[in-house]
Amino acid sequence: MPAGPVAGREYVERFIARFISSGSETEWELVDLVSAGHVVVAERIDRTKAHDKQVDQPCAGVFERDQEKIKVWRDHFDRAT
């Protein structure tokens, strides 16, 4: 994972806002979705246009659900991309 843990709704919102602040446009392409019990794995491509440069970031998100809410969310990707 590219960063340390972020806990709490407020902190997660801030983290995501910082992450996407350099992009003028972002699209998330869902490639595959698998679930078993309370775990969901989403393979996707985050397509971001930042400062006139297109960045396509393949990644995998692992979500653990508690009822209808996400309890844990881990994104895995290569920062070098």
PDB file of N, CA and C in Angstrom:
ATOM      1  N   MET A   1       0.847  -1.170   0.000  1.00  0.00           N
ATOM      2  CA  MET A   1       0.000   0.000   0.000  1.00  0.00           C
ATOM      3  C   MET A   1       0.892   1.232   0.000  1.00  0.00           C
ATOM      4  N   PRO A   2       0.477   2.268  -0.695  1.00  0.00           N
ATOM      5  CA  PRO A   2       1.346   3.424  -0.879  1.00  0.00           C
ATOM      6  C   PRO A   2       1.405   4.397   0.297  1.00  0.00           C
ATOM      7  N   ALA A   3       0.555   4.260   1.269  1.00  0.00           N
ATOM      8  CA  ALA A   3       0.535   5.200   2.393  1.00  0.00           C
ATOM      9  C   ALA A   3       0.143   4.455   3.660  1.00  0.00           C
ATOM     10  N   GLY A   4       0.375   5.089   4.783  1.00  0.00           N
ATOM     11  CA  GLY A   4      -0.021   4.495   6.052  1.00  0.00           C
ATOM     12  C   GLY A   4      -1.530   4.536   6.235  1.00  0.00           C
ATOM     13  N   PRO A   5      -2.026   3.892   7.274  1.00  0.00           N
ATOM     14  CA  PRO A   5      -3.468   3.848   7.513  1.00  0.00           C
ATOM     15  C   PRO A   5      -4.068   5.230   7.779  1.00  0.00           C
ATOM     16  N   VAL A   6      -5.280   5.410   7.322  1.00  0.00           N
ATOM     17  CA  VAL A   6      -6.057   6.619   7.579  1.00  0.00           C
ATOM     18  C   VAL A   6      -7.350   6.137   8.225  1.00  0.00           C
ATOM     19  N   ALA A   7      -7.681   6.660   9.391  1.00  0.00           N
ATOM     20  CA  ALA A   7      -8.875   6.191  10.109  1.00  0.00           C
ATOM     21  C   ALA A   7      -9.819   7.349  10.393  1.00  0.00           C
ATOM     22  N   GLY A   8     -11.097   7.069  10.305  1.00  0.00           N
ATOM     23  CA  GLY A   8     -12.123   8.065  10.586  1.00  0.00           C
ATOM     24  C   GLY A   8     -12.589   8.770   9.325  1.00  0.00           C
ATOM     25  N   ARG A   9     -13.885   8.998   9.243  1.00  0.00           N
ATOM     26  CA  ARG A   9     -14.490   9.585   8.042  1.00  0.00           C
ATOM     27  C   ARG A   9     -13.845  10.919   7.669  1.00  0.00           C
ATOM     28  N   GLU A  10     -13.659  11.808   8.633  1.00  0.00           N
ATOM     29  CA  GLU A  10     -13.084  13.134   8.367  1.00  0.00           C
ATOM     30  C   GLU A  10     -11.687  13.017   7.755  1.00  0.00           C
ATOM     31  N   TYR A  11     -10.863  12.135   8.313  1.00  0.00           N
ATOM     32  CA  TYR A  11      -9.496  11.971   7.823  1.00  0.00           C
ATOM     33  C   TYR A  11      -9.464  11.313   6.445  1.00  0.00           C
ATOM     34  N   VAL A  12     -10.365  10.367   6.224  1.00  0.00           N
ATOM     35  CA  VAL A  12     -10.445   9.723   4.911  1.00  0.00           C
ATOM     36  C   VAL A  12     -10.851  10.747   3.856  1.00  0.00           C
ATOM     37  N   GLU A  13     -11.838  11.593   4.173  1.00  0.00           N
ATOM     38  CA  GLU A  13     -12.269  12.626   3.223  1.00  0.00           C
ATOM     39  C   GLU A  13     -11.121  13.579   2.897  1.00  0.00           C
ATOM     40  N   ARG A  14     -10.357  13.982   3.903  1.00  0.00           N
ATOM     41  CA  ARG A  14      -9.209  14.870   3.674  1.00  0.00           C
ATOM     42  C   ARG A  14      -8.146  14.200   2.809  1.00  0.00           C
ATOM     43  N   PHE A  15      -7.870  12.925   3.098  1.00  0.00           N
ATOM     44  CA  PHE A  15      -6.860  12.182   2.336  1.00  0.00           C
ATOM     45  C   PHE A  15      -7.251  12.109   0.867  1.00  0.00           C
ATOM     46  N   ILE A  16      -8.498  11.749   0.600  1.00  0.00           N
ATOM     47  CA  ILE A  16      -8.955  11.628  -0.785  1.00  0.00           C
ATOM     48  C   ILE A  16      -8.934  12.993  -1.473  1.00  0.00           C
ATOM     49  N   ALA A  17      -9.343  14.038  -0.768  1.00  0.00           N
ATOM     50  CA  ALA A  17      -9.330  15.389  -1.349  1.00  0.00           C
ATOM     51  C   ALA A  17      -7.916  15.799  -1.746  1.00  0.00           C
ATOM     52  N   ARG A  18      -6.930  15.509  -0.908  1.00  0.00           N
ATOM     53  CA  ARG A  18      -5.532  15.831  -1.244  1.00  0.00           C
ATOM     54  C   ARG A  18      -5.061  15.014  -2.439  1.00  0.00           C
ATOM     55  N   PHE A  19      -5.459  13.754  -2.469  1.00  0.00           N
ATOM     56  CA  PHE A  19      -5.010  12.846  -3.517  1.00  0.00           C
ATOM     57  C   PHE A  19      -5.517  13.292  -4.888  1.00  0.00           C
ATOM     58  N   ILE A  20      -6.755  13.756  -4.963  1.00  0.00           N
ATOM     59  CA  ILE A  20      -7.335  14.118  -6.252  1.00  0.00           C
ATOM     60  C   ILE A  20      -7.242  15.615  -6.561  1.00  0.00           C
ATOM     61  N   SER A  21      -6.672  16.402  -5.667  1.00  0.00           N
ATOM     62  CA  SER A  21      -6.637  17.852  -5.868  1.00  0.00           C
ATOM     63  C   SER A  21      -5.820  18.273  -7.087  1.00  0.00           C
ATOM     64  N   SER A  22      -4.829  17.493  -7.464  1.00  0.00           N
ATOM     65  CA  SER A  22      -4.006  17.861  -8.616  1.00  0.00           C
ATOM     66  C   SER A  22      -4.658  17.477  -9.937  1.00  0.00           C
ATOM     67  N   GLY A  23      -5.693  16.701  -9.880  1.00  0.00           N
ATOM     68  CA  GLY A  23      -6.345  16.252 -11.104  1.00  0.00           C
ATOM     69  C   GLY A  23      -7.502  17.155 -11.485  1.00  0.00           C
ATOM     70  N   SER A  24      -7.631  17.406 -12.762  1.00  0.00           N
ATOM     71  CA  SER A  24      -8.749  18.210 -13.216  1.00  0.00           C
ATOM     72  C   SER A  24      -9.938  17.336 -13.598  1.00  0.00           C
ATOM     73  N   GLU A  25      -9.664  16.044 -13.775  1.00  0.00           N
ATOM     74  CA  GLU A  25     -10.715  15.125 -14.187  1.00  0.00           C
ATOM     75  C   GLU A  25     -10.310  13.707 -13.795  1.00  0.00           C
ATOM     76  N   THR A  26     -11.245  12.954 -13.208  1.00  0.00           N
ATOM     77  CA  THR A  26     -10.942  11.578 -12.827  1.00  0.00           C
ATOM     78  C   THR A  26     -12.107  10.676 -13.212  1.00  0.00           C
ATOM     79  N   GLU A  27     -11.772   9.508 -13.747  1.00  0.00           N
ATOM     80  CA  GLU A  27     -12.767   8.496 -14.093  1.00  0.00           C
ATOM     81  C   GLU A  27     -12.275   7.170 -13.529  1.00  0.00           C
ATOM     82  N   TRP A  28     -13.172   6.410 -12.916  1.00  0.00           N
ATOM     83  CA  TRP A  28     -12.811   5.120 -12.364  1.00  0.00           C
ATOM     84  C   TRP A  28     -13.435   4.036 -13.233  1.00  0.00           C
ATOM     85  N   GLU A  29     -12.587   3.250 -13.881  1.00  0.00           N
ATOM     86  CA  GLU A  29     -13.059   2.149 -14.723  1.00  0.00           C
ATOM     87  C   GLU A  29     -12.999   0.857 -13.925  1.00  0.00           C
ATOM     88  N   LEU A  30     -14.125   0.261 -13.692  1.00  0.00           N
ATOM     89  CA  LEU A  30     -14.193  -1.001 -12.969  1.00  0.00           C
ATOM     90  C   LEU A  30     -13.877  -2.140 -13.930  1.00  0.00           C
ATOM     91  N   VAL A  31     -12.834  -2.907 -13.635  1.00  0.00           N
ATOM     92  CA  VAL A  31     -12.395  -4.009 -14.490  1.00  0.00           C
ATOM     93  C   VAL A  31     -13.020  -5.317 -14.033  1.00  0.00           C
ATOM     94  N   ASP A  32     -12.988  -5.573 -12.727  1.00  0.00           N
ATOM     95  CA  ASP A  32     -13.533  -6.808 -12.185  1.00  0.00           C
ATOM     96  C   ASP A  32     -13.955  -6.585 -10.744  1.00  0.00           C
ATOM     97  N   LEU A  33     -14.949  -7.307 -10.311  1.00  0.00           N
ATOM     98  CA  LEU A  33     -15.473  -7.178  -8.953  1.00  0.00           C
ATOM     99  C   LEU A  33     -15.760  -8.575  -8.413  1.00  0.00           C
ATOM    100  N   VAL A  34     -15.193  -8.888  -7.248  1.00  0.00           N
ATOM    101  CA  VAL A  34     -15.356 -10.201  -6.641  1.00  0.00           C
ATOM    102  C   VAL A  34     -15.715  -9.994  -5.174  1.00  0.00           C
ATOM    103  N   SER A  35     -16.624 -10.802  -4.663  1.00  0.00           N
ATOM    104  CA  SER A  35     -16.946 -10.702  -3.240  1.00  0.00           C
ATOM    105  C   SER A  35     -17.124 -12.084  -2.638  1.00  0.00           C
ATOM    106  N   ALA A  36     -16.804 -12.160  -1.362  1.00  0.00           N
ATOM    107  CA  ALA A  36     -17.010 -13.380  -0.578  1.00  0.00           C
ATOM    108  C   ALA A  36     -17.298 -12.942   0.843  1.00  0.00           C
ATOM    109  N   GLY A  37     -18.496 -13.234   1.292  1.00  0.00           N
ATOM    110  CA  GLY A  37     -18.866 -12.819   2.640  1.00  0.00           C
ATOM    111  C   GLY A  37     -18.846 -11.309   2.760  1.00  0.00           C
ATOM    112  N   HIS A  38     -18.073 -10.806   3.706  1.00  0.00           N
ATOM    113  CA  HIS A  38     -18.021  -9.359   3.941  1.00  0.00           C
ATOM    114  C   HIS A  38     -16.850  -8.678   3.229  1.00  0.00           C
ATOM    115  N   VAL A  39     -16.114  -9.409   2.365  1.00  0.00           N
ATOM    116  CA  VAL A  39     -14.951  -8.854   1.660  1.00  0.00           C
ATOM    117  C   VAL A  39     -15.283  -8.672   0.176  1.00  0.00           C
ATOM    118  N   VAL A  40     -14.928  -7.489  -0.344  1.00  0.00           N
ATOM    119  CA  VAL A  40     -15.124  -7.166  -1.753  1.00  0.00           C
ATOM    120  C   VAL A  40     -13.782  -6.726  -2.325  1.00  0.00           C
ATOM    121  N   VAL A  41     -13.420  -7.275  -3.489  1.00  0.00           N
ATOM    122  CA  VAL A  41     -12.193  -6.872  -4.182  1.00  0.00           C
ATOM    123  C   VAL A  41     -12.603  -6.246  -5.510  1.00  0.00           C
ATOM    124  N   ALA A  42     -12.165  -5.004  -5.724  1.00  0.00           N
ATOM    125  CA  ALA A  42     -12.490  -4.287  -6.953  1.00  0.00           C
ATOM    126  C   ALA A  42     -11.204  -3.965  -7.701  1.00  0.00           C
ATOM    127  N   GLU A  43     -11.022  -4.596  -8.855  1.00  0.00           N
ATOM    128  CA  GLU A  43      -9.893  -4.257  -9.718  1.00  0.00           C
ATOM    129  C   GLU A  43     -10.372  -3.118 -10.614  1.00  0.00           C
ATOM    130  N   ARG A  44      -9.586  -2.045 -10.685  1.00  0.00           N
ATOM    131  CA  ARG A  44     -10.031  -0.888 -11.446  1.00  0.00           C
ATOM    132  C   ARG A  44      -8.845  -0.139 -12.032  1.00  0.00           C
ATOM    133  N   ILE A  45      -9.170   0.791 -12.923  1.00  0.00           N
ATOM    134  CA  ILE A  45      -8.167   1.702 -13.462  1.00  0.00           C
ATOM    135  C   ILE A  45      -8.642   3.114 -13.129  1.00  0.00           C
ATOM    136  N   ASP A  46      -7.840   3.838 -12.371  1.00  0.00           N
ATOM    137  CA  ASP A  46      -8.142   5.227 -12.059  1.00  0.00           C
ATOM    138  C   ASP A  46      -7.526   6.073 -13.163  1.00  0.00           C
ATOM    139  N   ARG A  47      -8.353   6.720 -13.951  1.00  0.00           N
ATOM    140  CA  ARG A  47      -7.879   7.534 -15.071  1.00  0.00           C
ATOM    141  C   ARG A  47      -8.008   9.008 -14.678  1.00  0.00           C
ATOM    142  N   THR A  48      -6.866   9.660 -14.516  1.00  0.00           N
ATOM    143  CA  THR A  48      -6.850  11.045 -14.059  1.00  0.00           C
ATOM    144  C   THR A  48      -6.103  11.922 -15.043  1.00  0.00           C
ATOM    145  N   LYS A  49      -6.693  13.054 -15.335  1.00  0.00           N
ATOM    146  CA  LYS A  49      -6.010  14.054 -16.144  1.00  0.00           C
ATOM    147  C   LYS A  49      -5.533  15.128 -15.176  1.00  0.00           C
ATOM    148  N   ALA A  50      -4.215  15.273 -15.078  1.00  0.00           N
ATOM    149  CA  ALA A  50      -3.626  16.237 -14.150  1.00  0.00           C
ATOM    150  C   ALA A  50      -2.649  17.130 -14.900  1.00  0.00           C
ATOM    151  N   HIS A  51      -2.931  18.425 -14.898  1.00  0.00           N
ATOM    152  CA  HIS A  51      -2.043  19.391 -15.554  1.00  0.00           C
ATOM    153  C   HIS A  51      -1.748  18.977 -16.993  1.00  0.00           C
ATOM    154  N   ASP A  52      -2.785  18.676 -17.747  1.00  0.00           N
ATOM    155  CA  ASP A  52      -2.682  18.284 -19.152  1.00  0.00           C
ATOM    156  C   ASP A  52      -1.933  16.978 -19.385  1.00  0.00           C
ATOM    157  N   LYS A  53      -1.754  16.185 -18.362  1.00  0.00           N
ATOM    158  CA  LYS A  53      -1.117  14.883 -18.496  1.00  0.00           C
ATOM    159  C   LYS A  53      -2.115  13.810 -18.069  1.00  0.00           C
ATOM    160  N   GLN A  54      -2.252  12.765 -18.877  1.00  0.00           N
ATOM    161  CA  GLN A  54      -3.144  11.659 -18.564  1.00  0.00           C
ATOM    162  C   GLN A  54      -2.378  10.601 -17.772  1.00  0.00           C
ATOM    163  N   VAL A  55      -2.920  10.206 -16.630  1.00  0.00           N
ATOM    164  CA  VAL A  55      -2.319   9.152 -15.809  1.00  0.00           C
ATOM    165  C   VAL A  55      -3.366   8.056 -15.631  1.00  0.00           C
ATOM    166  N   ASP A  56      -3.040   6.854 -16.091  1.00  0.00           N
ATOM    167  CA  ASP A  56      -3.916   5.697 -15.923  1.00  0.00           C
ATOM    168  C   ASP A  56      -3.278   4.779 -14.885  1.00  0.00           C
ATOM    169  N   GLN A  57      -3.891   4.689 -13.720  1.00  0.00           N
ATOM    170  CA  GLN A  57      -3.328   3.970 -12.585  1.00  0.00           C
ATOM    171  C   GLN A  57      -4.108   2.682 -12.329  1.00  0.00           C
ATOM    172  N   PRO A  58      -3.575   1.508 -12.747  1.00  0.00           N
ATOM    173  CA  PRO A  58      -4.234   0.255 -12.393  1.00  0.00           C
ATOM    174  C   PRO A  58      -4.099   0.023 -10.884  1.00  0.00           C
ATOM    175  N   CYS A  59      -5.155  -0.430 -10.264  1.00  0.00           N
ATOM    176  CA  CYS A  59      -5.083  -0.709  -8.828  1.00  0.00           C
ATOM    177  C   CYS A  59      -6.158  -1.721  -8.439  1.00  0.00           C
ATOM    178  N   ALA A  60      -6.048  -2.169  -7.212  1.00  0.00           N
ATOM    179  CA  ALA A  60      -7.036  -3.089  -6.646  1.00  0.00           C
ATOM    180  C   ALA A  60      -7.440  -2.556  -5.277  1.00  0.00           C
ATOM    181  N   GLY A  61      -8.715  -2.444  -5.061  1.00  0.00           N
ATOM    182  CA  GLY A  61      -9.239  -2.012  -3.767  1.00  0.00           C
ATOM    183  C   GLY A  61      -9.840  -3.203  -3.054  1.00  0.00           C
ATOM    184  N   VAL A  62      -9.501  -3.352  -1.785  1.00  0.00           N
ATOM    185  CA  VAL A  62     -10.060  -4.422  -0.959  1.00  0.00           C
ATOM    186  C   VAL A  62     -10.909  -3.753   0.115  1.00  0.00           C
ATOM    187  N   PHE A  63     -12.178  -4.110   0.163  1.00  0.00           N
ATOM    188  CA  PHE A  63     -13.117  -3.509   1.099  1.00  0.00           C
ATOM    189  C   PHE A  63     -13.639  -4.583   2.049  1.00  0.00           C
ATOM    190  N   GLU A  64     -13.710  -4.243   3.307  1.00  0.00           N
ATOM    191  CA  GLU A  64     -14.384  -5.100   4.290  1.00  0.00           C
ATOM    192  C   GLU A  64     -15.635  -4.359   4.736  1.00  0.00           C
ATOM    193  N   ARG A  65     -16.768  -5.022   4.585  1.00  0.00           N
ATOM    194  CA  ARG A  65     -18.046  -4.390   4.909  1.00  0.00           C
ATOM    195  C   ARG A  65     -18.547  -4.825   6.279  1.00  0.00           C
ATOM    196  N   ASP A  66     -19.257  -3.916   6.898  1.00  0.00           N
ATOM    197  CA  ASP A  66     -19.978  -4.191   8.138  1.00  0.00           C
ATOM    198  C   ASP A  66     -21.407  -3.731   7.870  1.00  0.00           C
ATOM    199  N   GLN A  67     -22.275  -4.682   7.582  1.00  0.00           N
ATOM    200  CA  GLN A  67     -23.628  -4.373   7.136  1.00  0.00           C
ATOM    201  C   GLN A  67     -23.525  -3.655   5.795  1.00  0.00           C
ATOM    202  N   GLU A  68     -24.018  -2.434   5.701  1.00  0.00           N
ATOM    203  CA  GLU A  68     -23.995  -1.699   4.432  1.00  0.00           C
ATOM    204  C   GLU A  68     -22.882  -0.662   4.370  1.00  0.00           C
ATOM    205  N   LYS A  69     -22.020  -0.594   5.368  1.00  0.00           N
ATOM    206  CA  LYS A  69     -20.960   0.405   5.402  1.00  0.00           C
ATOM    207  C   LYS A  69     -19.592  -0.232   5.218  1.00  0.00           C
ATOM    208  N   ILE A  70     -18.688   0.543   4.633  1.00  0.00           N
ATOM    209  CA  ILE A  70     -17.308   0.077   4.485  1.00  0.00           C
ATOM    210  C   ILE A  70     -16.602   0.256   5.824  1.00  0.00           C
ATOM    211  N   LYS A  71     -16.076  -0.836   6.335  1.00  0.00           N
ATOM    212  CA  LYS A  71     -15.363  -0.823   7.622  1.00  0.00           C
ATOM    213  C   LYS A  71     -13.865  -0.606   7.399  1.00  0.00           C
ATOM    214  N   VAL A  72     -13.302  -1.264   6.369  1.00  0.00           N
ATOM    215  CA  VAL A  72     -11.880  -1.151   6.035  1.00  0.00           C
ATOM    216  C   VAL A  72     -11.761  -1.067   4.519  1.00  0.00           C
ATOM    217  N   TRP A  73     -10.879  -0.173   4.055  1.00  0.00           N
ATOM    218  CA  TRP A  73     -10.647  -0.010   2.615  1.00  0.00           C
ATOM    219  C   TRP A  73      -9.142   0.059   2.399  1.00  0.00           C
ATOM    220  N   ARG A  74      -8.626  -0.853   1.601  1.00  0.00           N
ATOM    221  CA  ARG A  74      -7.189  -0.870   1.279  1.00  0.00           C
ATOM    222  C   ARG A  74      -7.041  -0.796  -0.237  1.00  0.00           C
ATOM    223  N   ASP A  75      -6.249   0.159  -0.705  1.00  0.00           N
ATOM    224  CA  ASP A  75      -5.935   0.270  -2.121  1.00  0.00           C
ATOM    225  C   ASP A  75      -4.506  -0.176  -2.337  1.00  0.00           C
ATOM    226  N   HIS A  76      -4.294  -0.942  -3.393  1.00  0.00           N
ATOM    227  CA  HIS A  76      -2.965  -1.441  -3.726  1.00  0.00           C
ATOM    228  C   HIS A  76      -2.646  -1.001  -5.159  1.00  0.00           C
ATOM    229  N   PHE A  77      -1.525  -0.266  -5.315  1.00  0.00           N
ATOM    230  CA  PHE A  77      -1.087   0.123  -6.636  1.00  0.00           C
ATOM    231  C   PHE A  77       0.380   0.494  -6.617  1.00  0.00           C
ATOM    232  N   ASP A  78       0.948   0.571  -7.791  1.00  0.00           N
ATOM    233  CA  ASP A  78       2.362   0.893  -7.946  1.00  0.00           C
ATOM    234  C   ASP A  78       2.503   2.409  -8.065  1.00  0.00           C
ATOM    235  N   ARG A  79       3.103   3.035  -7.091  1.00  0.00           N
ATOM    236  CA  ARG A  79       3.271   4.484  -7.092  1.00  0.00           C
ATOM    237  C   ARG A  79       4.112   4.975  -8.266  1.00  0.00           C
ATOM    238  N   ALA A  80       4.975   4.131  -8.785  1.00  0.00           N
ATOM    239  CA  ALA A  80       5.834   4.517  -9.905  1.00  0.00           C
ATOM    240  C   ALA A  80       5.041   4.797 -11.177  1.00  0.00           C
ATOM    241  N   THR A  81       3.835   4.259 -11.257  1.00  0.00           N
ATOM    242  CA  THR A  81       3.000   4.481 -12.441  1.00  0.00           C
ATOM    243  C   THR A  81       2.678   5.947 -12.570  1.00  0.00           C
TER     244      THR A  81
END
